[in-house]
Amino acid sequence: MKTVLGSALMAAAMIAPAMANAEVTQTAISGTRLDVTARGDVRRVPDIAVISAGVTTNAADAASAMQDNANRMSRVLAALKKAGIADKDVTTSSINLSPQYRYVENQAPVVVGYQASNQVTVRFRNIAKSGTILDALVKEGSNQINGPTLTIDKPEAAQDEARVAAIKAARDRASLYANALGMKVVRIVSISESEGYSGGPVPVVAMRAMDSVAKTEIMPGEQSVSVNVSVVFELQ
């Protein structure tokens, strides 16, 4: 009966919806309590790249700076659409207009022009093509590129694998302690978890030589999806 109950608890913990914290608890123990913390890790290649691209322009007056910026940004957005980037994957992140000053010692600052900027955040769902698209954006007028931030679009399956690995590691460790003490594991009293990405190496933006022309290439590497579990066992 105890074995069936422990198995049911463990199954319930693994099929629970993905969340930052989860907990399963039984009744108080009558034997020896053993607390075990274990970690499960799986590695995946990111399939989403998020990059900020923008245009910064300067002109003698504010209207000219904004107009020039709008013209160049229109070409950048058209290039994104031509490359197959969906509207839902392009978000305006900032628009800014600011005066530019000349500073001379012992004199009041003098406005010498205006700077306009427009930034969009782009979600690339095909990392292999993102470098080529960035090159196209620069040709169309983008002069600010930041990123990438690489993520896994649907991490749920990887998280479930990490849960299974974490529970197995916890059970194996509990069995090791029980054997060393001449006891046995009779049941799981409680399980709690936390999950997250432990990340990986910083993504690399490289220049690749092809047909004598350097091209930007984003190399995604791998990221670790991890789940930490704290499990309380009863030993007898």
Protein backbone atom coordinates (compact mmCIF):
# COMPACT_ATOMS: atom_id res chain seq x y z
CA MET A 1 0.00 0.00 0.00
CA LYS A 2 2.79 2.38 0.89
CA THR A 3 4.56 1.61 -2.37
CA VAL A 4 1.40 2.28 -4.39
CA LEU A 5 0.81 5.55 -2.56
CA GLY A 6 4.40 6.66 -3.12
CA SER A 7 4.20 5.82 -6.84
CA ALA A 8 0.93 7.72 -7.17
CA LEU A 9 2.44 10.76 -5.54
CA MET A 10 5.45 10.68 -7.79
CA ALA A 11 3.28 10.34 -10.90
CA ALA A 12 1.11 13.25 -9.76
CA ALA A 13 4.16 15.44 -9.33
CA MET A 14 5.43 14.67 -12.83
CA ILE A 15 2.15 15.28 -14.65
CA ALA A 16 1.31 18.51 -12.84
CA PRO A 17 1.15 21.59 -15.12
CA ALA A 18 4.45 23.42 -15.57
CA MET A 19 4.85 26.17 -12.97
CA ALA A 20 7.58 27.97 -11.11
CA ASN A 21 6.88 26.00 -7.93
CA ALA A 22 4.95 22.79 -7.28
CA GLU A 23 4.42 20.79 -4.12
CA VAL A 24 2.95 17.42 -3.16
CA THR A 25 2.64 16.50 0.53
CA GLN A 26 1.54 13.42 2.49
CA THR A 27 0.91 12.91 6.21
CA ALA A 28 3.46 13.06 9.02
CA ILE A 29 6.07 10.28 9.14
CA SER A 30 6.54 7.61 11.79
CA GLY A 31 9.98 6.38 10.69
CA THR A 32 13.23 8.18 9.94
CA ARG A 33 12.98 11.34 7.84
CA LEU A 34 15.43 11.93 4.98
CA ASP A 35 15.50 15.23 3.06
CA VAL A 36 17.03 15.08 -0.42
CA THR A 37 17.56 17.86 -2.95
CA ALA A 38 18.26 16.83 -6.53
CA ARG A 39 18.52 18.48 -9.92
CA GLY A 40 17.49 17.29 -13.36
CA ASP A 41 19.03 18.83 -16.48
CA VAL A 42 18.36 18.43 -20.17
CA ARG A 43 19.97 20.40 -22.97
CA ARG A 44 18.25 21.83 -26.02
CA VAL A 45 19.29 23.96 -28.99
CA PRO A 46 17.42 27.31 -28.81
CA ASP A 47 14.95 27.88 -31.62
CA ILE A 48 14.09 31.54 -31.05
CA ALA A 49 16.40 34.56 -31.38
CA VAL A 50 15.23 37.95 -30.11
CA ILE A 51 17.16 40.92 -31.47
CA SER A 52 16.74 44.68 -31.21
CA ALA A 53 17.18 46.57 -34.47
CA GLY A 54 16.82 50.28 -34.96
CA VAL A 55 17.58 53.47 -36.80
CA THR A 56 19.26 56.57 -35.39
CA THR A 57 19.32 59.76 -37.46
CA ASN A 58 20.62 63.29 -36.95
CA ALA A 59 19.48 66.55 -38.51
CA ALA A 60 19.63 70.29 -37.88
CA ASP A 61 15.96 70.46 -36.84
CA ALA A 62 13.61 68.05 -35.07
CA ALA A 63 11.19 67.58 -37.97
CA SER A 64 13.95 66.63 -40.39
CA ALA A 65 15.46 64.16 -37.92
CA MET A 66 12.09 62.46 -37.39
CA GLN A 67 11.25 62.44 -41.10
CA ASP A 68 14.58 60.92 -42.10
CA ASN A 69 14.21 58.37 -39.33
CA ALA A 70 10.70 57.43 -40.41
CA ASN A 71 11.80 56.97 -44.03
CA ARG A 72 14.68 54.69 -43.11
CA MET A 73 12.60 52.75 -40.57
CA SER A 74 9.95 52.14 -43.22
CA ARG A 75 12.58 50.45 -45.37
CA VAL A 76 13.75 48.35 -42.41
CA LEU A 77 10.20 47.18 -41.66
CA ALA A 78 9.63 46.41 -45.33
CA ALA A 79 12.80 44.30 -45.35
CA LEU A 80 11.52 42.34 -42.35
CA LYS A 81 8.20 41.70 -44.06
CA LYS A 82 9.96 40.67 -47.27
CA ALA A 83 12.06 38.19 -45.26
CA GLY A 84 8.88 36.55 -43.98
CA ILE A 85 8.90 37.93 -40.44
CA ALA A 86 5.29 38.03 -39.21
CA ASP A 87 3.84 41.27 -37.84
CA LYS A 88 3.26 39.57 -34.47
CA ASP A 89 7.03 39.03 -34.18
CA VAL A 90 7.91 42.73 -34.58
CA THR A 91 7.32 45.09 -31.66
CA THR A 92 8.23 48.77 -31.40
CA SER A 93 10.30 49.04 -28.23
CA SER A 94 11.23 52.74 -28.21
CA ILE A 95 10.98 56.00 -30.15
CA ASN A 96 13.08 58.93 -29.02
CA LEU A 97 13.86 62.48 -30.12
CA SER A 98 16.46 64.52 -28.27
CA PRO A 99 18.38 67.76 -28.85
CA GLN A 100 22.13 67.61 -29.36
CA TYR A 101 24.21 70.27 -27.62
CA ARG A 102 27.58 71.92 -28.12
CA TYR A 103 29.32 72.66 -24.86
CA VAL A 104 31.82 75.49 -24.52
CA GLU A 105 33.50 76.34 -21.27
CA ASN A 106 31.87 79.25 -19.41
CA GLN A 107 29.03 79.43 -21.93
CA ALA A 108 25.49 78.11 -21.95
CA PRO A 109 24.97 74.91 -24.01
CA VAL A 110 23.86 75.54 -27.57
CA VAL A 111 21.49 73.25 -29.50
CA VAL A 112 23.26 72.19 -32.69
CA GLY A 113 20.78 69.61 -33.94
CA TYR A 114 18.44 66.77 -33.08
CA GLN A 115 18.77 63.01 -32.89
CA ALA A 116 15.86 60.68 -33.54
CA SER A 117 15.82 56.96 -32.88
CA ASN A 118 13.36 54.13 -33.41
CA GLN A 119 13.91 50.62 -32.06
CA VAL A 120 12.00 47.43 -32.79
CA THR A 121 12.32 44.05 -31.11
CA VAL A 122 12.29 41.22 -33.63
CA ARG A 123 11.61 37.57 -32.86
CA PHE A 124 13.35 35.30 -35.35
CA ARG A 125 11.83 31.81 -35.51
CA ASN A 126 14.51 30.57 -37.90
CA ILE A 127 17.87 31.28 -36.27
CA ALA A 128 19.79 29.99 -39.28
CA LYS A 129 18.36 32.81 -41.44
CA SER A 130 18.49 35.58 -38.83
CA GLY A 131 22.04 36.68 -39.63
CA THR A 132 21.22 37.14 -43.32
CA ILE A 133 18.13 39.15 -42.41
CA LEU A 134 20.17 41.40 -40.11
CA ASP A 135 22.57 42.11 -42.96
CA ALA A 136 19.57 43.09 -45.11
CA LEU A 137 18.30 45.43 -42.38
CA VAL A 138 21.65 47.22 -42.23
CA LYS A 139 21.57 47.70 -46.00
CA GLU A 140 18.13 49.28 -45.68
CA GLY A 141 19.21 51.79 -43.04
CA SER A 142 19.36 50.09 -39.65
CA ASN A 143 22.42 51.34 -37.76
CA GLN A 144 21.69 49.85 -34.32
CA ILE A 145 21.68 46.10 -33.67
CA ASN A 146 21.61 44.56 -30.18
CA GLY A 147 21.31 40.94 -29.10
CA PRO A 148 20.63 38.19 -29.59
CA THR A 149 18.69 36.71 -26.71
CA LEU A 150 18.18 33.03 -27.44
CA THR A 151 15.29 31.05 -26.00
CA ILE A 152 13.37 27.81 -26.40
CA ASP A 153 9.91 28.46 -27.81
CA LYS A 154 8.10 25.52 -26.16
CA PRO A 155 10.15 24.22 -23.21
CA GLU A 156 7.40 22.09 -21.65
CA ALA A 157 8.62 18.72 -23.00
CA ALA A 158 12.19 19.48 -21.90
CA GLN A 159 10.94 20.52 -18.46
CA ASP A 160 9.08 17.23 -18.09
CA GLU A 161 12.25 15.31 -18.99
CA ALA A 162 14.14 17.32 -16.39
CA ARG A 163 11.46 16.48 -13.79
CA VAL A 164 11.83 12.77 -14.46
CA ALA A 165 15.63 13.04 -14.20
CA ALA A 166 15.39 15.02 -10.95
CA ILE A 167 13.01 12.52 -9.32
CA LYS A 168 15.21 9.59 -10.40
CA ALA A 169 18.28 11.31 -8.95
CA ALA A 170 16.44 11.95 -5.68
CA ARG A 171 15.26 8.35 -5.41
CA ASP A 172 18.73 6.99 -6.22
CA ARG A 173 20.28 9.20 -3.55
CA ALA A 174 17.67 8.18 -1.00
CA SER A 175 18.34 4.50 -1.75
CA LEU A 176 22.07 5.09 -1.30
CA TYR A 177 21.54 6.59 2.15
CA ALA A 178 19.05 3.89 3.13
CA ASN A 179 21.44 1.10 2.11
CA ALA A 180 24.30 2.74 4.01
CA LEU A 181 22.12 2.83 7.13
CA GLY A 182 20.80 -0.69 6.72
CA MET A 183 17.30 0.65 6.12
CA LYS A 184 14.89 0.92 3.21
CA VAL A 185 12.87 3.67 1.59
CA VAL A 186 9.19 3.09 2.35
CA ARG A 187 7.54 6.15 0.88
CA ILE A 188 7.80 9.75 -0.31
CA VAL A 189 6.39 12.18 2.23
CA SER A 190 6.57 15.38 0.18
CA ILE A 191 7.90 16.80 -3.09
CA SER A 192 8.45 20.43 -4.04
CA GLU A 193 10.06 21.77 -7.19
CA SER A 194 11.44 24.86 -8.85
CA GLU A 195 12.43 25.16 -12.46
CA GLY A 196 14.17 27.44 -14.88
CA TYR A 197 16.78 27.89 -17.56
CA SER A 198 20.35 27.73 -16.44
CA GLY A 199 21.28 29.11 -19.84
CA GLY A 200 24.53 28.33 -21.56
CA PRO A 201 27.43 30.05 -23.27
CA VAL A 202 26.76 33.57 -24.45
CA PRO A 203 25.44 33.30 -28.02
CA VAL A 204 27.95 34.20 -30.68
CA VAL A 205 27.39 36.53 -33.60
CA ALA A 206 30.07 35.66 -36.12
CA MET A 207 31.12 36.81 -39.55
CA ARG A 208 31.28 34.03 -42.13
CA ALA A 209 33.14 34.32 -45.41
CA MET A 210 31.04 33.22 -48.37
CA ASP A 211 31.66 34.12 -51.98
CA SER A 212 34.29 36.62 -50.77
CA VAL A 213 31.59 38.56 -48.86
CA ALA A 214 31.42 38.46 -45.05
CA LYS A 215 27.98 37.55 -43.72
CA THR A 216 26.60 37.62 -40.21
CA GLU A 217 25.84 34.27 -38.63
CA ILE A 218 24.23 33.57 -35.26
CA MET A 219 25.41 30.37 -33.58
CA PRO A 220 22.79 29.20 -31.03
CA GLY A 221 24.78 26.61 -29.07
CA GLU A 222 22.75 24.85 -26.35
CA GLN A 223 20.79 25.86 -23.27
CA SER A 224 20.11 23.85 -20.16
CA VAL A 225 16.55 23.38 -18.93
CA SER A 226 16.62 22.40 -15.28
CA VAL A 227 14.27 21.38 -12.51
CA ASN A 228 15.24 21.23 -8.84
CA VAL A 229 13.25 19.01 -6.49
CA SER A 230 13.26 18.76 -2.72
CA VAL A 231 11.95 15.38 -1.63
CA VAL A 232 11.25 14.11 1.88
CA PHE A 233 11.51 10.31 2.20
CA GLU A 234 10.54 8.04 5.07
CA LEU A 235 13.07 5.36 5.94
CA GLN A 236 12.49 2.29 8.09
